[in-house]
C-alpha atoms as a PDB file:
ATOM      1  CA  MET A   1      -0.075   0.047  -0.017  1.00  0.00           C
ATOM      2  CA  VAL A   2       1.293   3.612  -0.619  1.00  0.00           C
ATOM      3  CA  VAL A   3       0.196   5.041   2.400  1.00  0.00           C
ATOM      4  CA  LYS A   4       2.911   5.786   4.707  1.00  0.00           C
ATOM      5  CA  HIS A   5       4.096   7.051   8.332  1.00  0.00           C
ATOM      6  CA  GLU A   6       2.733   4.358   9.551  1.00  0.00           C
ATOM      7  CA  ARG A   7       2.439   4.548  13.739  1.00  0.00           C
ATOM      8  CA  PRO A   8       0.516   3.465  16.475  1.00  0.00           C
ATOM      9  CA  GLY A   9      -2.681   5.430  17.827  1.00  0.00           C
ATOM     10  CA  GLY A  10      -3.110   5.788  21.265  1.00  0.00           C
ATOM     11  CA  ASP A  11      -6.477   3.408  20.791  1.00  0.00           C
ATOM     12  CA  GLY A  12      -4.739   0.791  19.572  1.00  0.00           C
ATOM     13  CA  GLY A  13      -5.359   1.988  15.970  1.00  0.00           C
ATOM     14  CA  SER A  14      -3.247   3.087  13.322  1.00  0.00           C
ATOM     15  CA  ARG A  15      -2.398   6.112  11.758  1.00  0.00           C
ATOM     16  CA  GLN A  16      -0.783   6.565   8.157  1.00  0.00           C
ATOM     17  CA  ARG A  17      -0.191   9.609   6.593  1.00  0.00           C
ATOM     18  CA  PHE A  18      -0.124  10.087   2.255  1.00  0.00           C
ATOM     19  CA  ALA A  19       0.402  13.019  -0.057  1.00  0.00           C
ATOM     20  CA  TRP A  20      -2.313  13.890  -2.344  1.00  0.00           C
ATOM     21  CA  HIS A  21      -0.884  12.729  -5.574  1.00  0.00           C
ATOM     22  CA  GLU A  22      -1.264   9.179  -3.347  1.00  0.00           C
ATOM     23  CA  THR A  23      -4.953  10.090  -2.950  1.00  0.00           C
ATOM     24  CA  ALA A  24      -6.678   8.151  -5.600  1.00  0.00           C
ATOM     25  CA  ALA A  25      -4.492   4.873  -4.643  1.00  0.00           C
ATOM     26  CA  VAL A  26      -4.952   4.863  -1.261  1.00  0.00           C
ATOM     27  CA  LEU A  27      -8.854   5.379  -1.763  1.00  0.00           C
ATOM     28  CA  ARG A  28      -8.858   2.590  -4.095  1.00  0.00           C
ATOM     29  CA  GLU A  29      -7.064   0.147  -2.211  1.00  0.00           C
ATOM     30  CA  LEU A  30      -9.003   1.013   0.821  1.00  0.00           C
ATOM     31  CA  GLU A  31     -12.224  -0.060  -1.682  1.00  0.00           C
ATOM     32  CA  ARG A  32     -10.628  -3.658  -2.073  1.00  0.00           C
ATOM     33  CA  ASP A  33      -9.863  -4.320   1.313  1.00  0.00           C
ATOM     34  CA  GLY A  34     -13.253  -4.512   1.365  1.00  0.00           C
ATOM     35  CA  ALA A  35     -13.890  -0.627   3.130  1.00  0.00           C
ATOM     36  CA  ARG A  36     -16.759   1.351   1.929  1.00  0.00           C
ATOM     37  CA  LEU A  37     -16.120   5.195   1.689  1.00  0.00           C
ATOM     38  CA  VAL A  38     -18.500   7.193   3.135  1.00  0.00           C
ATOM     39  CA  PRO A  39     -18.719  11.183   2.567  1.00  0.00           C
ATOM     40  CA  VAL A  40     -18.092  13.371   5.165  1.00  0.00           C
ATOM     41  CA  PRO A  41     -16.610  16.424   5.606  1.00  0.00           C
ATOM     42  CA  ARG A  42     -13.113  16.860   4.323  1.00  0.00           C
ATOM     43  CA  GLY A  43     -12.873  12.807   3.774  1.00  0.00           C
ATOM     44  CA  PHE A  44     -14.796   9.422   4.470  1.00  0.00           C
ATOM     45  CA  SER A  45     -15.699   7.652   6.806  1.00  0.00           C
ATOM     46  CA  LEU A  46     -14.076   3.869   6.439  1.00  0.00           C
ATOM     47  CA  VAL A  47     -17.132   1.517   7.115  1.00  0.00           C
ATOM     48  CA  ASP A  48     -17.051  -2.728   7.032  1.00  0.00           C
ATOM     49  CA  ALA A  49     -19.705  -5.055   5.017  1.00  0.00           C
ATOM     50  CA  ALA A  50     -21.704  -5.063   8.270  1.00  0.00           C
ATOM     51  CA  GLY A  51     -21.503  -1.362   8.603  1.00  0.00           C
ATOM     52  CA  ARG A  52     -19.483  -0.710  11.623  1.00  0.00           C
ATOM     53  CA  PRO A  53     -17.248   2.098  11.816  1.00  0.00           C
ATOM     54  CA  VAL A  54     -13.540   0.705  11.340  1.00  0.00           C
ATOM     55  CA  GLY A  55     -11.423   4.033  10.468  1.00  0.00           C
ATOM     56  CA  SER A  56     -11.853   7.518   8.905  1.00  0.00           C
ATOM     57  CA  VAL A  57      -9.404   9.549   5.833  1.00  0.00           C
ATOM     58  CA  ARG A  58      -8.535  12.730   6.300  1.00  0.00           C
ATOM     59  CA  LEU A  59      -7.784  14.407   2.930  1.00  0.00           C
ATOM     60  CA  PRO A  60      -5.079  16.648   1.847  1.00  0.00           C
ATOM     61  CA  ALA A  61      -6.418  19.967   1.214  1.00  0.00           C
ATOM     62  CA  VAL A  62      -5.095  20.843  -1.878  1.00  0.00           C
ATOM     63  CA  LEU A  63      -7.299  18.223  -3.561  1.00  0.00           C
ATOM     64  CA  ARG A  64      -9.990  21.461  -3.412  1.00  0.00           C
ATOM     65  CA  VAL A  65     -13.081  19.013  -3.654  1.00  0.00           C
ATOM     66  CA  PRO A  66     -16.339  20.188  -2.406  1.00  0.00           C
ATOM     67  CA  LEU A  67     -17.554  19.042   1.443  1.00  0.00           C
ATOM     68  CA  GLY A  68     -18.901  15.602   1.337  1.00  0.00           C
ATOM     69  CA  ALA A  69     -18.041  14.795  -2.153  1.00  0.00           C
ATOM     70  CA  PRO A  70     -18.160  11.025  -3.601  1.00  0.00           C
ATOM     71  CA  ALA A  71     -15.008   8.816  -3.487  1.00  0.00           C
ATOM     72  CA  ASP A  72     -14.672   8.893  -7.655  1.00  0.00           C
ATOM     73  CA  ALA A  73     -14.798  12.667  -7.424  1.00  0.00           C
ATOM     74  CA  VAL A  74     -11.928  12.592  -5.465  1.00  0.00           C
ATOM     75  CA  VAL A  75      -9.717  10.339  -7.272  1.00  0.00           C
ATOM     76  CA  ALA A  76     -10.396  12.451 -10.298  1.00  0.00           C
ATOM     77  CA  ALA A  77      -9.669  15.744  -8.769  1.00  0.00           C
ATOM     78  CA  ALA A  78      -6.530  13.402  -7.265  1.00  0.00           C
ATOM     79  CA  GLY A  79      -5.254  13.170 -11.081  1.00  0.00           C
ATOM     80  CA  GLN A  80      -5.923  16.616 -12.235  1.00  0.00           C
ATOM     81  CA  PRO A  81      -2.345  18.755 -11.280  1.00  0.00           C
ATOM     82  CA  LEU A  82      -2.167  21.314  -8.655  1.00  0.00           C
ATOM     83  CA  GLY A  83      -1.549  24.386 -10.664  1.00  0.00           C
ATOM     84  CA  ASP A  84      -0.418  27.693  -8.560  1.00  0.00           C
ATOM     85  CA  GLU A  85      -1.593  27.910  -5.630  1.00  0.00           C
ATOM     86  CA  LEU A  86      -0.825  30.763  -2.936  1.00  0.00           C
ATOM     87  CA  VAL A  87      -0.037  29.967   1.554  1.00  0.00           C
ATOM     88  CA  LEU A  88      -0.658  33.211   3.165  1.00  0.00           C
ATOM     89  CA  LEU A  89      -0.301  32.763   6.954  1.00  0.00           C
ATOM     90  CA  LEU A  90      -0.718  36.178   8.944  1.00  0.00           C
ATOM     91  CA  ARG A  91      -0.876  37.889  12.736  1.00  0.00           C
ATOM     92  CA  ALA A  92       0.091  40.838  13.723  1.00  0.00           C
ATOM     93  CA  GLY A  93       3.410  42.233  13.162  1.00  0.00           C
ATOM     94  CA  ALA A  94       4.191  38.913  10.949  1.00  0.00           C
ATOM     95  CA  ALA A  95       3.321  37.270   7.839  1.00  0.00           C
ATOM     96  CA  ALA A  96       5.084  34.407   5.554  1.00  0.00           C
ATOM     97  CA  LEU A  97       3.720  33.467   2.127  1.00  0.00           C
ATOM     98  CA  GLY A  98       4.931  30.952  -0.492  1.00  0.00           C
ATOM     99  CA  TRP A  99       4.006  30.351  -4.011  1.00  0.00           C
ATOM    100  CA  TRP A 100       3.468  26.710  -5.375  1.00  0.00           C
ATOM    101  CA  ARG A 101       3.426  25.242  -8.610  1.00  0.00           C
ATOM    102  CA  ASP A 102       1.864  21.887  -8.606  1.00  0.00           C
ATOM    103  CA  GLY A 103       3.294  20.985  -5.303  1.00  0.00           C
ATOM    104  CA  GLU A 104       6.836  22.855  -5.871  1.00  0.00           C
ATOM    105  CA  LEU A 105       7.734  25.766  -4.170  1.00  0.00           C
ATOM    106  CA  ARG A 106       8.131  28.639  -6.661  1.00  0.00           C
ATOM    107  CA  ALA A 107       8.621  31.618  -4.146  1.00  0.00           C
ATOM    108  CA  HIS A 108       8.665  32.502  -0.419  1.00  0.00           C
ATOM    109  CA  LYS A 109       9.041  35.665   2.061  1.00  0.00           C
ATOM    110  CA  THR A 110       8.133  36.442   4.831  1.00  0.00           C
ATOM    111  CA  PHE A 111       7.993  40.383   6.852  1.00  0.00           C
ATOM    112  CA  ALA A 112       8.105  40.787  10.651  1.00  0.00           C
ATOM    113  CA  ARG A 113       7.054  44.673  11.943  1.00  0.00           C
ATOM    114  CA  TYR A 114       6.370  46.172  15.212  1.00  0.00           C
ATOM    115  CA  VAL A 115       2.776  46.465  15.745  1.00  0.00           C
ATOM    116  CA  VAL A 116       1.949  45.101  19.392  1.00  0.00           C
ATOM    117  CA  ARG A 117       1.749  46.625  22.874  1.00  0.00           C
ATOM    118  CA  GLY A 118       3.788  45.525  25.760  1.00  0.00           C
ATOM    119  CA  HIS A 119       0.596  43.893  27.261  1.00  0.00           C
ATOM    120  CA  GLY A 120      -0.158  42.170  23.828  1.00  0.00           C
ATOM    121  CA  LYS A 121      -2.496  43.410  21.941  1.00  0.00           C
ATOM    122  CA  ALA A 122      -2.083  44.289  18.123  1.00  0.00           C
ATOM    123  CA  GLN A 123      -2.212  48.415  17.865  1.00  0.00           C
ATOM    124  CA  PRO A 124      -5.718  48.651  15.263  1.00  0.00           C
ATOM    125  CA  THR A 125      -7.398  46.459  17.749  1.00  0.00           C
ATOM    126  CA  TRP A 126      -6.498  48.114  21.317  1.00  0.00           C
ATOM    127  CA  LEU A 127      -8.048  51.682  19.422  1.00  0.00           C
ATOM    128  CA  SER A 128     -10.874  49.562  18.319  1.00  0.00           C
ATOM    129  CA  THR A 129     -11.483  48.395  21.800  1.00  0.00           C
ATOM    130  CA  ARG A 130     -10.130  51.765  24.014  1.00  0.00           C
ATOM    131  CA  GLY A 131     -10.405  55.251  21.721  1.00  0.00           C
ATOM    132  CA  LYS A 132      -7.027  57.343  21.255  1.00  0.00           C
ATOM    133  CA  SER A 133      -3.766  56.021  20.688  1.00  0.00           C
ATOM    134  CA  ARG A 134      -1.120  56.843  23.516  1.00  0.00           C
ATOM    135  CA  TYR A 135       2.702  57.119  22.711  1.00  0.00           C
ATOM    136  CA  GLY A 136       3.717  54.859  21.000  1.00  0.00           C
ATOM    137  CA  SER A 137       0.902  54.026  18.586  1.00  0.00           C
ATOM    138  CA  ARG A 138       1.841  56.561  15.803  1.00  0.00           C
ATOM    139  CA  LEU A 139       4.997  53.424  14.807  1.00  0.00           C
ATOM    140  CA  ARG A 140       2.786  51.021  15.449  1.00  0.00           C
ATOM    141  CA  LEU A 141      -0.051  51.596  13.105  1.00  0.00           C
ATOM    142  CA  GLN A 142       2.214  52.757  10.320  1.00  0.00           C
ATOM    143  CA  ASN A 143       4.508  49.745  10.660  1.00  0.00           C
ATOM    144  CA  ALA A 144       0.621  47.874  10.739  1.00  0.00           C
ATOM    145  CA  ARG A 145      -0.587  49.398   7.686  1.00  0.00           C
ATOM    146  CA  ARG A 146       2.981  48.914   5.996  1.00  0.00           C
ATOM    147  CA  LEU A 147       2.720  45.007   6.461  1.00  0.00           C
ATOM    148  CA  LEU A 148      -0.254  44.752   5.637  1.00  0.00           C
ATOM    149  CA  SER A 149       0.486  46.631   2.378  1.00  0.00           C
ATOM    150  CA  GLU A 150       3.826  44.774   1.509  1.00  0.00           C
ATOM    151  CA  VAL A 151       1.346  41.332   1.520  1.00  0.00           C
ATOM    152  CA  ASN A 152      -0.527  42.790  -0.955  1.00  0.00           C
ATOM    153  CA  GLU A 153       1.997  43.777  -3.253  1.00  0.00           C
ATOM    154  CA  ARG A 154       4.223  40.592  -3.223  1.00  0.00           C
ATOM    155  CA  CYS A 155       1.173  38.384  -3.568  1.00  0.00           C
ATOM    156  CA  ASN A 156      -0.345  41.091  -6.181  1.00  0.00           C
ATOM    157  CA  ALA A 157       2.991  40.737  -7.995  1.00  0.00           C
ATOM    158  CA  TRP A 158       3.208  36.016  -7.784  1.00  0.00           C
ATOM    159  CA  ALA A 159      -0.380  36.552  -9.566  1.00  0.00           C
ATOM    160  CA  ASP A 160       0.680  38.365 -12.115  1.00  0.00           C
ATOM    161  CA  GLU A 161       3.325  36.052 -12.888  1.00  0.00           C
ATOM    162  CA  ALA A 162       1.258  33.284 -12.448  1.00  0.00           C
ATOM    163  CA  GLY A 163      -1.406  34.580 -14.756  1.00  0.00           C
ATOM    164  CA  GLY A 164      -3.703  34.166 -11.162  1.00  0.00           C
ATOM    165  CA  PHE A 165      -3.563  31.498  -8.601  1.00  0.00           C
ATOM    166  CA  ASP A 166      -5.545  28.322  -8.971  1.00  0.00           C
ATOM    167  CA  ALA A 167      -6.247  28.430  -5.101  1.00  0.00           C
ATOM    168  CA  VAL A 168      -5.074  30.845  -2.286  1.00  0.00           C
ATOM    169  CA  HIS A 169      -4.915  28.888   1.377  1.00  0.00           C
ATOM    170  CA  VAL A 170      -5.325  31.488   4.082  1.00  0.00           C
ATOM    171  CA  ALA A 171      -4.309  31.656   8.114  1.00  0.00           C
ATOM    172  CA  CYS A 172      -5.188  35.128   9.615  1.00  0.00           C
ATOM    173  CA  PRO A 173      -7.665  36.503  12.165  1.00  0.00           C
ATOM    174  CA  GLU A 174     -10.909  37.411  10.991  1.00  0.00           C
ATOM    175  CA  ARG A 175     -10.294  41.913  12.149  1.00  0.00           C
ATOM    176  CA  LEU A 176      -7.039  40.925  10.342  1.00  0.00           C
ATOM    177  CA  TRP A 177      -8.460  40.385   6.887  1.00  0.00           C
ATOM    178  CA  ALA A 178     -10.923  42.425   6.461  1.00  0.00           C
ATOM    179  CA  ASP A 179      -8.025  45.361   6.838  1.00  0.00           C
ATOM    180  CA  LEU A 180      -5.551  43.273   4.575  1.00  0.00           C
ATOM    181  CA  ALA A 181      -8.779  43.745   2.135  1.00  0.00           C
ATOM    182  CA  ALA A 182      -9.166  47.436   2.695  1.00  0.00           C
ATOM    183  CA  ALA A 183      -4.743  47.639   2.755  1.00  0.00           C
ATOM    184  CA  ASP A 184      -3.407  49.675  -0.994  1.00  0.00           C
ATOM    185  CA  PRO A 185      -3.081  47.846  -2.660  1.00  0.00           C
ATOM    186  CA  PRO A 186      -6.399  45.873  -2.837  1.00  0.00           C
ATOM    187  CA  PRO A 187      -5.455  41.989  -2.992  1.00  0.00           C
ATOM    188  CA  ARG A 188      -5.983  41.452  -6.452  1.00  0.00           C
ATOM    189  CA  TYR A 189      -4.636  38.189  -5.800  1.00  0.00           C
ATOM    190  CA  CYS A 190      -7.849  36.668  -4.910  1.00  0.00           C
ATOM    191  CA  ALA A 191      -9.449  37.673  -8.443  1.00  0.00           C
ATOM    192  CA  ASP A 192      -9.533  33.924  -9.108  1.00  0.00           C
ATOM    193  CA  ALA A 193      -9.904  32.197  -6.260  1.00  0.00           C
ATOM    194  CA  GLU A 194     -11.836  32.008  -3.772  1.00  0.00           C
ATOM    195  CA  PRO A 195      -9.578  32.013  -0.872  1.00  0.00           C
ATOM    196  CA  MET A 196     -10.020  29.391   1.941  1.00  0.00           C
ATOM    197  CA  ARG A 197      -9.407  28.582   5.181  1.00  0.00           C
ATOM    198  CA  ILE A 198      -6.547  26.642   6.248  1.00  0.00           C
ATOM    199  CA  PRO A 199      -8.010  23.914   9.167  1.00  0.00           C
ATOM    200  CA  LEU A 200      -5.268  23.691  11.203  1.00  0.00           C
ATOM    201  CA  HIS A 201      -3.621  26.290  14.292  1.00  0.00           C
ATOM    202  CA  VAL A 202      -1.006  28.155  12.559  1.00  0.00           C
ATOM    203  CA  HIS A 203       1.783  29.398  15.263  1.00  0.00           C
ATOM    204  CA  ARG A 204       3.809  32.422  14.499  1.00  0.00           C
ATOM    205  CA  PRO A 205       4.496  33.168  11.008  1.00  0.00           C
ATOM    206  CA  ASP A 206       7.818  31.924   9.821  1.00  0.00           C
ATOM    207  CA  HIS A 207       9.816  30.002   6.859  1.00  0.00           C
ATOM    208  CA  ALA A 208       9.708  26.917   8.994  1.00  0.00           C
ATOM    209  CA  GLU A 209       5.964  27.406   9.608  1.00  0.00           C
ATOM    210  CA  LEU A 210       4.815  27.964   6.324  1.00  0.00           C
ATOM    211  CA  ARG A 211       6.606  24.750   5.398  1.00  0.00           C
ATOM    212  CA  ARG A 212       5.098  22.693   8.425  1.00  0.00           C
ATOM    213  CA  ILE A 213       1.334  23.843   7.106  1.00  0.00           C
ATOM    214  CA  ARG A 214       2.506  23.196   3.439  1.00  0.00           C
ATOM    215  CA  PHE A 215       3.254  19.556   4.074  1.00  0.00           C
ATOM    216  CA  GLU A 216      -0.037  19.434   6.391  1.00  0.00           C
ATOM    217  CA  LEU A 217      -1.962  21.095   3.267  1.00  0.00           C
ATOM    218  CA  GLU A 218      -0.129  18.381   0.719  1.00  0.00           C
ATOM    219  CA  HIS A 219      -0.649  14.821   3.234  1.00  0.00           C
ATOM    220  CA  GLY A 220      -4.010  13.263   4.023  1.00  0.00           C
ATOM    221  CA  THR A 221      -4.533  10.624   7.750  1.00  0.00           C
ATOM    222  CA  VAL A 222      -6.492   7.386   7.756  1.00  0.00           C
ATOM    223  CA  GLU A 223      -7.029   6.215  10.536  1.00  0.00           C
ATOM    224  CA  ARG A 224      -8.316   2.358  11.483  1.00  0.00           C
ATOM    225  CA  VAL A 225      -9.785   1.977  14.987  1.00  0.00           C
ATOM    226  CA  ALA A 226      -8.256  -1.035  17.178  1.00  0.00           C
ATOM    227  CA  GLY A 227      -9.877  -4.736  15.700  1.00  0.00           C
END
């Protein structure tokens, strides 16, 4: 079987990883082993011939299949190239972005700016909840605006070079996403692809975190219960 990185599960079962391009082979082999694939959000439940649950499959997010898609649709999607994809990780004061083409990293960039007050709250958020700024706020606000502008400038340039992105994967707080949409220049890189929220916990953005998140987006898991 092409599934990789097998390890025991905490309940005596097993957990295995597979890459996005192995998805079709993984699903077909599970069916040959007698499992029925029942669509659920982001994957499948595995059910045996008697209707008992025997495991689950979490699909790689880069496949971009609709929630609850049947196995045949997932297999078809897994046979297509990924195209040009943007991964954008954004937090107050930090951003990490990467451009992948068919799974290969073409370009990446990280940004870091001083925008957080001493007690840990970003300056724009502080102003929205406490009113007028005090000492040091002007610099933090300028840095916050500069960070958003730099992110949009770089992503727009990549989108122009790529001829548009086929997918945009985003991890960003809601308020900061609204600020990014209102920044100068605006985010033209979302014109051809609706941004998709990354369904993972993301630490402070840097290059290592960008690569970790991309790895998770490209890989799925098969989990089997003890039996």
